Amino acid sequence: MRYKRIDRINELLHEEVADILFKEIKDPRIGFITITAVETTYDLSHAKVFVSIMGEEKDRELTIQGLKSATGYLRAKLKKRVNFHRIPEIEFVYDSSIEYGDRIDRILQELKKKESWEK
C-alpha cells in the first residue's frame, strides 16, 4: 500500500514529538504517557497529538497542562529537526482507547473465570 504524504508527516511528527518529550522535557507535571497517534491537517496548520496517560483523573489533568505548556518549546525544537515550511500548532488530546481496551480485557477475563468455575 502506498503511503500518502500526510501519513508520512504524521509518522515523522509522532517520532520527533516523542523523542523531544521523552528526552528533553523535564516538567514534573508530565507523568507516564504514550503517544498513540498524530493527526495533521493537510495544510500543516494544526496537529493533534493523542496521548494515553497512566494515573488518575488529577494526574491526567496535570499531565495535559504540562504538555500544553511545553508546546512552544516543542514547536521550536521541531522547526530545527524537520524540514517543513510550516510547523503546525500542536494540540494534545487525551486518548482513552488503551484504558478502554484494558477494561474490556478485564471484563472478558472475569467472564472466563466465571465460566470455568461453573463447569
N, C-alpha and C. Protein backbone atom coordinates (compact mmCIF):
# COMPACT_ATOMS: atom_id res chain seq x y z
N MET A 1 0.84 -1.19 0.00
CA MET A 1 0.00 0.00 0.00
C MET A 1 0.88 1.25 0.00
N ARG A 2 0.57 2.16 -0.85
CA ARG A 2 1.36 3.38 -0.98
C ARG A 2 0.97 4.38 0.12
N TYR A 3 1.98 4.91 0.81
CA TYR A 3 1.70 5.90 1.84
C TYR A 3 1.34 7.24 1.22
N LYS A 4 0.43 7.91 1.84
CA LYS A 4 0.12 9.26 1.44
C LYS A 4 1.10 10.20 2.14
N ARG A 5 1.24 11.36 1.58
CA ARG A 5 2.15 12.35 2.15
C ARG A 5 1.81 12.64 3.61
N ILE A 6 0.53 12.81 3.90
CA ILE A 6 0.13 13.18 5.27
C ILE A 6 0.43 12.04 6.25
N ASP A 7 0.36 10.79 5.78
CA ASP A 7 0.72 9.66 6.65
C ASP A 7 2.20 9.71 7.03
N ARG A 8 3.04 10.04 6.07
CA ARG A 8 4.48 10.17 6.36
C ARG A 8 4.75 11.32 7.32
N ILE A 9 4.03 12.42 7.12
CA ILE A 9 4.19 13.58 8.01
C ILE A 9 3.74 13.22 9.43
N ASN A 10 2.60 12.54 9.55
CA ASN A 10 2.10 12.13 10.87
C ASN A 10 3.10 11.22 11.57
N GLU A 11 3.68 10.28 10.83
CA GLU A 11 4.66 9.36 11.42
C GLU A 11 5.92 10.11 11.85
N LEU A 12 6.38 11.02 11.03
CA LEU A 12 7.56 11.81 11.38
C LEU A 12 7.31 12.65 12.63
N LEU A 13 6.17 13.32 12.67
CA LEU A 13 5.83 14.13 13.85
C LEU A 13 5.70 13.25 15.09
N HIS A 14 5.11 12.09 14.93
CA HIS A 14 4.97 11.16 16.05
C HIS A 14 6.34 10.82 16.63
N GLU A 15 7.28 10.46 15.78
CA GLU A 15 8.62 10.10 16.22
C GLU A 15 9.35 11.28 16.86
N GLU A 16 9.29 12.42 16.22
CA GLU A 16 10.03 13.59 16.72
C GLU A 16 9.43 14.13 18.01
N VAL A 17 8.11 14.22 18.09
CA VAL A 17 7.46 14.71 19.31
C VAL A 17 7.78 13.77 20.47
N ALA A 18 7.69 12.48 20.23
CA ALA A 18 8.01 11.50 21.29
C ALA A 18 9.46 11.66 21.75
N ASP A 19 10.37 11.79 20.82
CA ASP A 19 11.78 11.93 21.16
C ASP A 19 12.03 13.18 22.00
N ILE A 20 11.44 14.30 21.59
CA ILE A 20 11.63 15.55 22.34
C ILE A 20 11.00 15.45 23.72
N LEU A 21 9.77 14.93 23.79
CA LEU A 21 9.09 14.83 25.08
C LEU A 21 9.84 13.93 26.06
N PHE A 22 10.32 12.80 25.59
CA PHE A 22 10.93 11.84 26.49
C PHE A 22 12.37 12.18 26.85
N LYS A 23 13.07 12.90 25.99
CA LYS A 23 14.47 13.19 26.25
C LYS A 23 14.75 14.60 26.74
N GLU A 24 13.89 15.55 26.40
CA GLU A 24 14.22 16.94 26.68
C GLU A 24 13.27 17.68 27.62
N ILE A 25 12.04 17.28 27.69
CA ILE A 25 11.06 17.97 28.54
C ILE A 25 11.16 17.40 29.95
N LYS A 26 11.41 18.26 30.92
CA LYS A 26 11.59 17.80 32.30
C LYS A 26 10.51 18.36 33.23
N ASP A 27 9.32 18.62 32.72
CA ASP A 27 8.22 19.16 33.51
C ASP A 27 7.72 18.06 34.46
N PRO A 28 7.73 18.32 35.77
CA PRO A 28 7.29 17.29 36.73
C PRO A 28 5.80 16.97 36.62
N ARG A 29 5.02 17.83 35.99
CA ARG A 29 3.59 17.56 35.82
C ARG A 29 3.33 16.45 34.81
N ILE A 30 4.28 16.26 33.90
CA ILE A 30 4.09 15.27 32.85
C ILE A 30 4.44 13.89 33.39
N GLY A 31 3.41 13.05 33.50
CA GLY A 31 3.60 11.71 34.02
C GLY A 31 3.94 10.72 32.92
N PHE A 32 3.60 9.48 33.16
CA PHE A 32 3.87 8.42 32.20
C PHE A 32 2.86 8.51 31.06
N ILE A 33 3.35 8.81 29.86
CA ILE A 33 2.47 8.97 28.71
C ILE A 33 2.93 8.07 27.56
N THR A 34 1.98 7.80 26.69
CA THR A 34 2.26 7.10 25.43
C THR A 34 1.59 7.90 24.32
N ILE A 35 2.33 8.23 23.30
CA ILE A 35 1.73 8.91 22.15
C ILE A 35 1.12 7.82 21.28
N THR A 36 -0.20 7.87 21.13
CA THR A 36 -0.90 6.82 20.40
C THR A 36 -1.09 7.16 18.92
N ALA A 37 -1.18 8.43 18.60
CA ALA A 37 -1.39 8.82 17.20
C ALA A 37 -1.14 10.31 17.03
N VAL A 38 -0.91 10.70 15.78
CA VAL A 38 -0.80 12.11 15.41
C VAL A 38 -1.65 12.30 14.16
N GLU A 39 -2.50 13.32 14.19
CA GLU A 39 -3.32 13.66 13.03
C GLU A 39 -3.05 15.11 12.66
N THR A 40 -2.53 15.30 11.47
CA THR A 40 -2.17 16.63 10.99
C THR A 40 -3.12 17.05 9.88
N THR A 41 -3.48 18.32 9.87
CA THR A 41 -4.31 18.82 8.78
C THR A 41 -3.46 18.86 7.51
N TYR A 42 -4.12 18.81 6.36
CA TYR A 42 -3.39 18.76 5.09
C TYR A 42 -2.56 20.01 4.81
N ASP A 43 -2.97 21.14 5.38
CA ASP A 43 -2.19 22.36 5.17
C ASP A 43 -1.10 22.54 6.23
N LEU A 44 -0.94 21.56 7.10
CA LEU A 44 0.06 21.56 8.18
C LEU A 44 -0.12 22.69 9.19
N SER A 45 -1.32 23.21 9.30
CA SER A 45 -1.53 24.30 10.26
C SER A 45 -1.76 23.79 11.68
N HIS A 46 -2.31 22.60 11.81
CA HIS A 46 -2.60 22.04 13.14
C HIS A 46 -2.26 20.55 13.16
N ALA A 47 -1.86 20.11 14.34
CA ALA A 47 -1.61 18.69 14.56
C ALA A 47 -2.19 18.31 15.92
N LYS A 48 -2.99 17.26 15.93
CA LYS A 48 -3.49 16.71 17.19
C LYS A 48 -2.59 15.55 17.56
N VAL A 49 -2.05 15.62 18.76
CA VAL A 49 -1.20 14.54 19.27
C VAL A 49 -2.01 13.84 20.35
N PHE A 50 -2.39 12.59 20.07
CA PHE A 50 -3.20 11.82 21.00
C PHE A 50 -2.28 11.10 21.97
N VAL A 51 -2.57 11.27 23.28
CA VAL A 51 -1.72 10.67 24.31
C VAL A 51 -2.57 9.85 25.28
N SER A 52 -2.03 8.71 25.65
CA SER A 52 -2.61 7.90 26.71
C SER A 52 -1.81 8.21 27.96
N ILE A 53 -2.52 8.46 29.05
CA ILE A 53 -1.86 8.89 30.29
C ILE A 53 -2.24 7.93 31.41
N MET A 54 -1.23 7.37 32.05
CA MET A 54 -1.47 6.47 33.17
C MET A 54 -1.71 7.30 34.43
N GLY A 55 -2.61 6.83 35.26
CA GLY A 55 -2.88 7.51 36.52
C GLY A 55 -4.33 7.90 36.65
N GLU A 56 -4.60 8.60 37.71
CA GLU A 56 -5.96 9.03 38.00
C GLU A 56 -6.28 10.32 37.26
N GLU A 57 -7.52 10.74 37.35
CA GLU A 57 -8.01 11.92 36.63
C GLU A 57 -7.16 13.16 36.94
N LYS A 58 -6.81 13.36 38.19
CA LYS A 58 -6.00 14.52 38.59
C LYS A 58 -4.63 14.47 37.89
N ASP A 59 -4.02 13.30 37.85
CA ASP A 59 -2.73 13.12 37.19
C ASP A 59 -2.84 13.44 35.70
N ARG A 60 -3.94 12.98 35.09
CA ARG A 60 -4.15 13.24 33.66
C ARG A 60 -4.27 14.72 33.37
N GLU A 61 -5.03 15.42 34.21
CA GLU A 61 -5.20 16.87 34.02
C GLU A 61 -3.87 17.60 34.15
N LEU A 62 -3.08 17.24 35.16
CA LEU A 62 -1.77 17.87 35.33
C LEU A 62 -0.86 17.58 34.15
N THR A 63 -0.90 16.36 33.65
CA THR A 63 -0.06 15.99 32.52
C THR A 63 -0.45 16.79 31.28
N ILE A 64 -1.74 16.91 31.02
CA ILE A 64 -2.21 17.70 29.87
C ILE A 64 -1.78 19.15 30.02
N GLN A 65 -1.87 19.70 31.23
CA GLN A 65 -1.41 21.08 31.46
C GLN A 65 0.08 21.20 31.16
N GLY A 66 0.86 20.24 31.63
CA GLY A 66 2.30 20.26 31.37
C GLY A 66 2.61 20.16 29.89
N LEU A 67 1.89 19.30 29.19
CA LEU A 67 2.09 19.16 27.74
C LEU A 67 1.72 20.44 27.01
N LYS A 68 0.62 21.05 27.41
CA LYS A 68 0.20 22.31 26.77
C LYS A 68 1.23 23.41 26.98
N SER A 69 1.81 23.45 28.17
CA SER A 69 2.80 24.50 28.44
C SER A 69 4.10 24.25 27.68
N ALA A 70 4.32 23.04 27.23
CA ALA A 70 5.56 22.70 26.51
C ALA A 70 5.43 22.88 25.00
N THR A 71 4.26 23.27 24.50
CA THR A 71 4.06 23.31 23.05
C THR A 71 4.96 24.33 22.35
N GLY A 72 5.23 25.46 22.94
CA GLY A 72 6.11 26.45 22.32
C GLY A 72 7.52 25.90 22.16
N TYR A 73 8.04 25.32 23.22
CA TYR A 73 9.37 24.70 23.17
C TYR A 73 9.39 23.57 22.15
N LEU A 74 8.35 22.78 22.16
CA LEU A 74 8.25 21.64 21.25
C LEU A 74 8.25 22.09 19.80
N ARG A 75 7.50 23.13 19.48
CA ARG A 75 7.46 23.65 18.11
C ARG A 75 8.81 24.22 17.69
N ALA A 76 9.49 24.89 18.61
CA ALA A 76 10.82 25.44 18.30
C ALA A 76 11.80 24.31 17.99
N LYS A 77 11.75 23.24 18.77
CA LYS A 77 12.63 22.09 18.52
C LYS A 77 12.28 21.40 17.21
N LEU A 78 10.98 21.28 16.92
CA LEU A 78 10.56 20.66 15.66
C LEU A 78 11.05 21.46 14.46
N LYS A 79 11.04 22.78 14.59
CA LYS A 79 11.49 23.63 13.48
C LYS A 79 12.93 23.32 13.11
N LYS A 80 13.75 23.00 14.10
CA LYS A 80 15.15 22.67 13.85
C LYS A 80 15.32 21.24 13.31
N ARG A 81 14.38 20.35 13.62
CA ARG A 81 14.54 18.93 13.29
C ARG A 81 13.89 18.51 11.97
N VAL A 82 12.79 19.16 11.60
CA VAL A 82 12.06 18.72 10.40
C VAL A 82 12.11 19.81 9.34
N ASN A 83 12.05 19.41 8.12
CA ASN A 83 12.15 20.34 7.00
C ASN A 83 10.74 20.65 6.47
N PHE A 84 9.96 21.38 7.29
CA PHE A 84 8.61 21.80 6.90
C PHE A 84 8.63 23.30 6.69
N HIS A 85 7.83 23.77 5.76
CA HIS A 85 7.68 25.21 5.59
C HIS A 85 6.93 25.83 6.76
N ARG A 86 6.04 25.03 7.34
CA ARG A 86 5.22 25.50 8.45
C ARG A 86 5.21 24.41 9.52
N ILE A 87 5.47 24.83 10.75
CA ILE A 87 5.39 23.90 11.88
C ILE A 87 3.97 24.03 12.43
N PRO A 88 3.24 22.92 12.53
CA PRO A 88 1.84 23.01 12.95
C PRO A 88 1.67 23.42 14.41
N GLU A 89 0.55 24.05 14.68
CA GLU A 89 0.13 24.29 16.06
C GLU A 89 -0.18 22.91 16.62
N ILE A 90 0.27 22.65 17.84
CA ILE A 90 0.11 21.32 18.42
C ILE A 90 -0.94 21.36 19.52
N GLU A 91 -1.84 20.41 19.44
CA GLU A 91 -2.88 20.24 20.46
C GLU A 91 -2.76 18.82 21.01
N PHE A 92 -2.62 18.71 22.31
CA PHE A 92 -2.57 17.39 22.94
C PHE A 92 -3.98 16.98 23.33
N VAL A 93 -4.34 15.76 22.96
CA VAL A 93 -5.68 15.24 23.20
C VAL A 93 -5.55 13.93 23.96
N TYR A 94 -6.30 13.83 25.04
CA TYR A 94 -6.28 12.60 25.84
C TYR A 94 -6.96 11.47 25.07
N ASP A 95 -6.30 10.33 24.98
CA ASP A 95 -6.80 9.16 24.27
C ASP A 95 -7.06 8.06 25.28
N SER A 96 -8.32 7.71 25.47
CA SER A 96 -8.67 6.71 26.47
C SER A 96 -8.77 5.30 25.88
N SER A 97 -8.38 5.10 24.64
CA SER A 97 -8.58 3.80 23.99
C SER A 97 -7.80 2.68 24.67
N ILE A 98 -6.62 2.94 25.18
CA ILE A 98 -5.85 1.89 25.85
C ILE A 98 -6.54 1.47 27.14
N GLU A 99 -7.01 2.44 27.91
CA GLU A 99 -7.74 2.13 29.14
C GLU A 99 -9.04 1.40 28.84
N TYR A 100 -9.71 1.82 27.78
CA TYR A 100 -10.95 1.18 27.37
C TYR A 100 -10.69 -0.27 26.99
N GLY A 101 -9.65 -0.51 26.22
CA GLY A 101 -9.28 -1.87 25.84
C GLY A 101 -8.90 -2.70 27.05
N ASP A 102 -8.20 -2.10 28.00
CA ASP A 102 -7.81 -2.80 29.22
C ASP A 102 -9.04 -3.19 30.03
N ARG A 103 -9.99 -2.28 30.10
CA ARG A 103 -11.24 -2.56 30.82
C ARG A 103 -11.99 -3.72 30.19
N ILE A 104 -12.09 -3.73 28.87
CA ILE A 104 -12.75 -4.82 28.17
C ILE A 104 -12.02 -6.14 28.43
N ASP A 105 -10.69 -6.09 28.41
CA ASP A 105 -9.90 -7.29 28.68
C ASP A 105 -10.17 -7.83 30.08
N ARG A 106 -10.24 -6.94 31.08
CA ARG A 106 -10.53 -7.38 32.45
C ARG A 106 -11.92 -8.01 32.54
N ILE A 107 -12.90 -7.41 31.88
CA ILE A 107 -14.25 -7.98 31.89
C ILE A 107 -14.27 -9.36 31.26
N LEU A 108 -13.57 -9.51 30.13
CA LEU A 108 -13.51 -10.82 29.48
C LEU A 108 -12.82 -11.86 30.36
N GLN A 109 -11.77 -11.44 31.06
CA GLN A 109 -11.07 -12.36 31.96
C GLN A 109 -11.99 -12.80 33.10
N GLU A 110 -12.78 -11.85 33.64
CA GLU A 110 -13.72 -12.19 34.71
C GLU A 110 -14.78 -13.16 34.21
N LEU A 111 -15.28 -12.93 33.01
CA LEU A 111 -16.28 -13.83 32.44
C LEU A 111 -15.69 -15.22 32.21
N LYS A 112 -14.44 -15.26 31.77
CA LYS A 112 -13.77 -16.54 31.54
C LYS A 112 -13.62 -17.30 32.85
N LYS A 113 -13.26 -16.58 33.93
CA LYS A 113 -13.12 -17.22 35.24
C LYS A 113 -14.45 -17.78 35.72
N LYS A 114 -15.51 -17.00 35.57
CA LYS A 114 -16.84 -17.44 36.00
C LYS A 114 -17.30 -18.64 35.20
N GLU A 115 -17.03 -18.64 33.92
CA GLU A 115 -17.43 -19.74 33.05
C GLU A 115 -16.71 -21.02 33.43
N SER A 116 -15.42 -20.95 33.69
CA SER A 116 -14.65 -22.14 34.06
C SER A 116 -15.02 -22.60 35.47
N TRP A 117 -15.44 -21.70 36.33
CA TRP A 117 -15.82 -22.07 37.69
C TRP A 117 -17.14 -22.84 37.70
N GLU A 118 -18.05 -22.47 36.79
CA GLU A 118 -19.37 -23.12 36.75
C GLU A 118 -19.32 -24.50 36.13
N LYS A 119 -18.29 -24.84 35.38
CA LYS A 119 -18.23 -26.14 34.71
C LYS A 119 -17.86 -27.25 35.62
